Protein backbone atom coordinates (compact mmCIF):
# COMPACT_ATOMS: atom_id res chain seq x y z
CA MET A 1 -1.12 5.80 -21.71
CA CYS A 2 -0.96 4.08 -18.26
CA GLY A 3 -1.05 5.52 -14.76
CA ILE A 4 1.49 5.35 -11.95
CA VAL A 5 1.00 5.90 -8.22
CA GLY A 6 3.33 5.54 -5.28
CA LEU A 7 3.21 6.32 -1.57
CA HIS A 8 6.11 6.25 0.90
CA LEU A 9 4.97 6.77 4.50
CA ARG A 10 7.26 8.41 7.04
CA THR A 11 4.87 8.34 10.01
CA PRO A 12 4.10 4.93 11.58
CA GLU A 13 0.68 6.22 12.65
CA LEU A 14 -0.28 6.19 8.95
CA TYR A 15 0.85 2.61 8.29
CA PRO A 16 -2.65 1.16 8.97
CA ARG A 17 -4.02 3.43 6.23
CA LEU A 18 -1.55 2.53 3.46
CA GLY A 19 -3.97 0.29 1.57
CA GLU A 20 -6.88 2.70 1.91
CA LEU A 21 -4.81 5.58 0.55
CA LEU A 22 -3.18 3.52 -2.20
CA ALA A 23 -6.53 2.11 -3.39
CA ALA A 24 -7.96 5.62 -3.72
CA MET A 25 -4.89 6.78 -5.62
CA LEU A 26 -5.02 3.84 -8.01
CA GLY A 27 -8.73 4.32 -8.60
CA GLU A 28 -8.14 7.90 -9.73
CA MET A 29 -5.79 6.61 -12.44
CA SER A 30 -8.29 4.07 -13.83
CA ASP A 31 -9.07 6.04 -16.96
CA ARG A 32 -5.38 6.14 -17.83
CA GLY A 33 -5.41 2.34 -18.10
CA ALA A 34 -8.51 0.25 -17.57
CA ASP A 35 -7.45 -3.14 -18.93
CA SER A 36 -5.30 -4.35 -16.01
CA ALA A 37 -3.51 -3.23 -12.87
CA GLY A 38 -1.00 -4.23 -10.24
CA ILE A 39 0.23 -3.16 -6.83
CA ALA A 40 3.15 -3.81 -4.52
CA VAL A 41 2.73 -3.42 -0.76
CA TYR A 42 5.64 -3.36 1.68
CA GLY A 43 4.93 -4.31 5.28
CA ASP A 44 1.46 -5.84 5.54
CA PRO A 45 1.62 -8.31 8.47
CA GLU A 46 -0.82 -10.80 6.89
CA TRP A 47 0.36 -10.67 3.28
CA SER A 48 4.10 -10.59 4.09
CA PRO A 49 4.81 -11.49 7.73
CA TYR A 50 7.74 -9.65 9.28
CA GLY A 51 11.06 -11.48 9.27
CA GLN A 52 10.00 -14.12 6.73
CA GLY A 53 10.88 -14.74 3.12
CA CYS A 54 7.99 -13.92 0.80
CA VAL A 55 7.04 -14.89 -2.76
CA SER A 56 3.94 -13.83 -4.72
CA VAL A 57 2.75 -16.42 -7.27
CA THR A 58 0.16 -16.13 -10.06
CA ASP A 59 -1.01 -18.46 -12.85
CA VAL A 60 -1.10 -21.72 -10.90
CA PRO A 61 -4.20 -23.95 -11.04
CA GLU A 62 -4.43 -24.44 -7.28
CA ALA A 63 -2.82 -23.32 -4.06
CA PRO A 64 0.89 -24.19 -4.02
CA ASP A 65 1.79 -26.91 -1.55
CA LEU A 66 5.40 -26.74 -0.39
CA GLY A 67 4.90 -28.45 2.95
CA PRO A 68 3.92 -27.38 6.46
CA ASP A 69 6.74 -24.84 6.80
CA VAL A 70 5.41 -22.61 4.01
CA ASP A 71 2.30 -20.55 4.74
CA VAL A 72 -0.05 -19.66 1.87
CA VAL A 73 -2.54 -16.79 1.74
CA GLN A 74 -4.80 -16.50 -1.30
CA VAL A 75 -5.70 -13.00 -2.49
CA ASP A 76 -7.95 -13.26 -5.53
CA SER A 77 -5.86 -15.10 -8.19
CA THR A 78 -2.52 -14.59 -6.40
CA TYR A 79 -0.99 -16.82 -3.74
CA LEU A 80 1.26 -15.13 -1.18
CA LEU A 81 3.80 -17.57 0.23
CA SER A 82 5.92 -16.95 3.31
CA ALA A 83 8.36 -19.05 5.32
CA ASP A 84 11.14 -18.79 7.86
CA MET A 85 13.86 -18.66 5.22
CA ASP A 86 15.44 -16.20 2.82
CA SER A 87 13.14 -15.01 0.02
CA GLU A 88 15.50 -16.26 -2.67
CA GLU A 89 15.63 -19.71 -1.06
CA LEU A 90 11.82 -19.81 -1.01
CA LEU A 91 11.77 -18.60 -4.62
CA GLY A 92 13.99 -21.54 -5.59
CA LEU A 93 11.56 -23.99 -3.97
CA VAL A 94 8.61 -22.43 -5.80
CA ARG A 95 10.34 -22.53 -9.17
CA ALA A 96 11.40 -26.14 -8.70
CA ALA A 97 7.88 -27.26 -7.78
CA TYR A 98 5.95 -24.99 -10.18
CA PRO A 99 8.23 -24.17 -13.13
CA THR A 100 5.47 -22.56 -15.22
CA ALA A 101 4.07 -20.31 -12.47
CA LEU A 102 4.36 -16.55 -12.85
CA ILE A 103 6.42 -15.09 -10.01
CA SER A 104 4.76 -11.73 -9.41
CA GLY A 105 7.27 -10.67 -6.79
CA PHE A 106 9.63 -11.78 -4.03
CA GLY A 107 11.41 -10.18 -1.13
CA ALA A 108 11.15 -9.55 2.60
CA ASP A 109 7.98 -7.68 3.63
CA LEU A 110 6.72 -7.55 0.02
CA ALA A 111 3.45 -8.66 -1.58
CA VAL A 112 2.72 -8.11 -5.28
CA LEU A 113 -0.75 -8.49 -6.78
CA LYS A 114 -1.59 -8.32 -10.51
CA GLY A 115 -4.76 -8.85 -12.49
CA VAL A 116 -6.63 -8.28 -15.72
CA GLY A 117 -9.71 -6.07 -15.40
CA HIS A 118 -10.75 -2.63 -14.24
CA PRO A 119 -8.46 -1.26 -11.49
CA ARG A 120 -11.33 -0.39 -9.13
CA ALA A 121 -12.76 -3.91 -9.44
CA LEU A 122 -9.32 -5.40 -8.81
CA THR A 123 -8.60 -3.32 -5.70
CA ASP A 124 -11.98 -4.41 -4.31
CA ALA A 125 -11.23 -8.07 -5.06
CA TRP A 126 -7.85 -7.77 -3.35
CA GLY A 127 -9.27 -6.02 -0.29
CA LEU A 128 -6.53 -3.46 -0.78
CA ALA A 129 -8.20 -0.85 1.42
CA LYS A 130 -7.50 -3.05 4.47
CA ALA A 131 -3.78 -3.49 3.75
CA GLN A 132 -1.13 -1.98 6.00
CA GLY A 133 2.51 -1.07 5.55
CA TRP A 134 4.99 1.72 5.00
CA GLN A 135 5.18 1.82 1.21
CA GLY A 136 3.16 0.94 -1.86
CA VAL A 137 3.33 1.39 -5.62
CA GLY A 138 0.67 0.77 -8.25
CA HIS A 139 0.02 0.84 -11.97
CA THR A 140 -3.00 0.99 -14.25
CA ARG A 141 -2.27 -0.30 -17.74
CA MET A 142 -3.42 0.60 -21.22
CA ALA A 143 -1.61 -2.06 -23.25
CA THR A 144 0.10 -0.87 -26.43
CA GLU A 145 2.85 -3.36 -27.31
CA SER A 146 2.16 -6.66 -25.55
CA ALA A 147 -0.72 -8.88 -24.47
CA VAL A 148 -3.18 -8.06 -21.71
CA THR A 149 -2.17 -10.82 -19.32
CA PRO A 150 -0.92 -10.99 -15.72
CA SER A 151 2.65 -11.32 -17.04
CA GLY A 152 2.22 -8.00 -18.84
CA CYS A 153 1.04 -6.18 -15.72
CA HIS A 154 3.24 -3.91 -13.65
CA PRO A 155 4.89 -3.74 -11.14
CA TYR A 156 7.82 -5.77 -12.41
CA THR A 157 9.63 -7.34 -9.48
CA VAL A 158 12.63 -9.14 -10.88
CA GLY A 159 15.14 -8.56 -8.07
CA PRO A 160 14.68 -9.21 -4.33
CA GLY A 161 12.24 -6.63 -3.02
CA GLN A 162 12.63 -4.43 -6.10
CA CYS A 163 9.64 -3.04 -8.04
CA LEU A 164 9.42 -0.93 -11.19
CA VAL A 165 6.36 0.71 -12.75
CA HIS A 166 6.48 2.59 -16.05
CA ASN A 167 4.42 4.98 -18.12
CA GLY A 168 5.72 5.33 -21.67
CA SER A 169 7.74 3.21 -24.07
CA PHE A 170 11.35 2.22 -24.61
CA ALA A 171 12.26 2.51 -28.30
CA ASN A 172 15.38 0.31 -28.13
CA HIS A 173 14.10 -2.35 -25.75
CA ALA A 174 14.56 -5.18 -28.27
CA THR A 175 18.28 -4.48 -28.59
CA ILE A 176 18.79 -4.28 -24.83
CA ARG A 177 16.70 -7.44 -24.34
CA ARG A 178 19.04 -9.35 -26.68
CA GLU A 179 22.08 -8.06 -24.81
CA LEU A 180 20.62 -9.10 -21.46
CA ARG A 181 19.65 -12.53 -22.79
CA ARG A 182 23.20 -13.05 -24.05
CA ALA A 183 24.31 -12.28 -20.49
CA GLY A 184 22.02 -15.05 -19.19
CA VAL A 185 19.01 -12.98 -18.11
CA ALA A 186 15.62 -14.72 -18.58
CA PHE A 187 12.35 -12.90 -19.31
CA ASP A 188 8.72 -13.62 -18.41
CA SER A 189 7.03 -11.42 -21.02
CA GLU A 190 7.51 -9.38 -24.19
CA ASN A 191 6.73 -6.17 -22.34
CA ASP A 192 9.28 -3.38 -22.82
CA THR A 193 8.92 -2.46 -19.15
CA GLU A 194 10.38 -5.79 -18.11
CA VAL A 195 13.54 -4.91 -20.03
CA GLY A 196 13.90 -1.77 -17.94
CA ALA A 197 13.25 -3.69 -14.74
CA ARG A 198 15.79 -6.39 -15.63
CA PHE A 199 18.35 -3.72 -16.52
CA VAL A 200 17.89 -1.94 -13.18
CA ALA A 201 18.06 -5.25 -11.30
CA GLU A 202 21.37 -6.09 -12.99
CA GLN A 203 22.73 -2.68 -12.04
CA LEU A 204 21.69 -3.13 -8.40
CA ALA A 205 23.12 -6.66 -8.32
CA ALA A 206 26.43 -5.18 -9.47
CA GLY A 207 26.49 -2.99 -6.37
CA ARG A 208 25.14 0.29 -7.70
CA ASP A 209 22.55 2.24 -5.72
CA VAL A 210 19.11 3.06 -7.11
CA ALA A 211 20.03 6.59 -8.18
CA THR A 212 23.11 5.42 -10.09
CA ALA A 213 21.15 2.57 -11.69
CA LEU A 214 18.49 4.99 -12.95
CA LYS A 215 21.09 7.40 -14.31
CA GLU A 216 22.60 4.49 -16.22
CA LEU A 217 19.15 3.58 -17.54
CA CYS A 218 18.68 7.15 -18.80
CA ALA A 219 22.00 6.93 -20.63
CA THR A 220 21.17 3.53 -22.18
CA PHE A 221 17.45 3.57 -23.04
CA ASP A 222 15.79 5.65 -25.76
CA GLY A 223 12.13 6.62 -25.58
CA PHE A 224 9.59 8.48 -23.50
CA TYR A 225 9.05 7.40 -19.90
CA THR A 226 8.30 8.13 -16.31
CA LEU A 227 9.59 5.46 -13.92
CA LEU A 228 8.98 4.76 -10.25
CA VAL A 229 11.39 2.27 -8.70
CA SER A 230 11.12 0.98 -5.14
CA ASP A 231 12.81 -1.51 -2.89
CA HIS A 232 12.47 -2.45 0.77
CA ASP A 233 13.81 0.89 2.00
CA SER A 234 13.70 3.34 -0.91
CA PHE A 235 11.51 5.05 -3.44
CA ALA A 236 12.80 6.83 -6.58
CA VAL A 237 11.35 8.65 -9.60
CA VAL A 238 12.92 9.62 -12.95
CA ARG A 239 11.67 10.97 -16.29
CA ASP A 240 13.27 10.92 -19.73
CA ALA A 241 15.21 13.82 -21.26
CA ILE A 242 12.11 15.40 -22.81
CA ALA A 243 9.85 14.72 -19.80
CA CYS A 244 7.06 13.80 -22.21
CA LYS A 245 5.07 11.63 -19.79
CA PRO A 246 3.26 13.38 -16.93
CA ALA A 247 4.32 13.12 -13.31
CA VAL A 248 3.82 15.05 -10.10
CA ILE A 249 5.46 14.61 -6.69
CA ALA A 250 4.14 15.79 -3.32
CA GLU A 251 6.02 15.74 -0.01
CA THR A 252 5.14 16.42 3.61
CA ALA A 253 6.77 15.52 6.92
CA ASP A 254 4.48 12.45 7.02
CA TRP A 255 4.78 11.06 3.49
CA VAL A 256 6.16 11.30 -0.04
CA ALA A 257 3.84 10.49 -2.95
CA MET A 258 3.93 10.57 -6.74
CA ALA A 259 1.40 9.99 -9.46
CA SER A 260 0.85 10.56 -13.14
CA GLU A 261 -1.70 13.26 -12.28
CA TYR A 262 -2.38 15.44 -9.24
CA ARG A 263 -5.94 14.14 -8.78
CA ALA A 264 -4.47 10.87 -7.45
CA LEU A 265 -2.77 12.87 -4.67
CA ALA A 266 -5.65 15.20 -3.81
CA GLY A 267 -7.13 12.94 -1.10
CA LEU A 268 -3.92 12.36 0.87
CA PRO A 269 -3.95 13.65 4.46
CA GLY A 270 -2.35 17.08 4.75
CA VAL A 271 -1.87 17.52 1.00
CA GLU A 272 -2.88 21.18 1.40
CA GLN A 273 0.45 21.80 3.18
CA ALA A 274 2.53 19.64 0.85
CA ARG A 275 5.39 20.79 -1.30
CA ILE A 276 4.24 19.84 -4.81
CA TRP A 277 6.30 19.88 -8.01
CA GLU A 278 6.79 18.32 -11.41
CA PRO A 279 10.03 16.29 -11.62
CA GLU A 280 12.69 17.70 -13.94
CA PRO A 281 13.96 15.69 -16.95
CA GLU A 282 16.57 13.02 -16.13
CA VAL A 283 16.81 14.11 -12.48
CA VAL A 284 16.57 11.18 -10.07
CA TYR A 285 14.46 11.93 -7.00
CA ALA A 286 15.01 9.37 -4.24
CA TRP A 287 13.93 8.86 -0.63
CA THR A 288 14.89 6.26 1.96
CA ARG A 289 13.45 5.08 5.28
């Protein structure tokens, strides 16, 4: 089943409350997926210091040691690395030193946390309510086609600063996976969502914008899905042609939010004055900073 939440803040006065609001939203989606969860936070000054390259690493036996120029912050089972270099350069150093580590995410101003367990317990362990920033996405998972492991958790962050969360299933993911592998794309899991994330990342790397990339995904992938895709400066939602999987969007002058169900949005400040609607099939809704 799975649950999706996302929050894009327009008002800097709300940035200190991003984690508090996102944690409450994710908690409301716990019964849509109670076996694991993940979040991506853009702009927290401790987790992803401004102006530095950032990499989130999971599944390493101890804190990564890449020398005095790389700072490490441990958040539960994830290590958040930052340094005065490009994120992709830092990613290369991490992969060279720890080739079996799971890279949860990478990109400027981005921290990605994933874990197995109940979403409310995970957000408490992460201290999510104290996080700051301008944008966050989250996912609660009910596994149906791959193992319950950190590598199977969303968000999938396979391009610099890019995140994708997914409710549903892609029927032809195996075929598209083979095509991407033939093109040299490597995978970290057997999750069908990763195929969608890799596909979108390839589209963006080819110079397409998020809206065009998602339209191409709709034309290529079969199945039932609601997707939320974010990067450093944007936030986009799309559903399949039948719009089988639930989704609701709310917008005010201060924020844009989406979730699988309205109850995840009900506690947002000013939601009583929000414009609220259900996204139409195969229409890409996108916002930028």
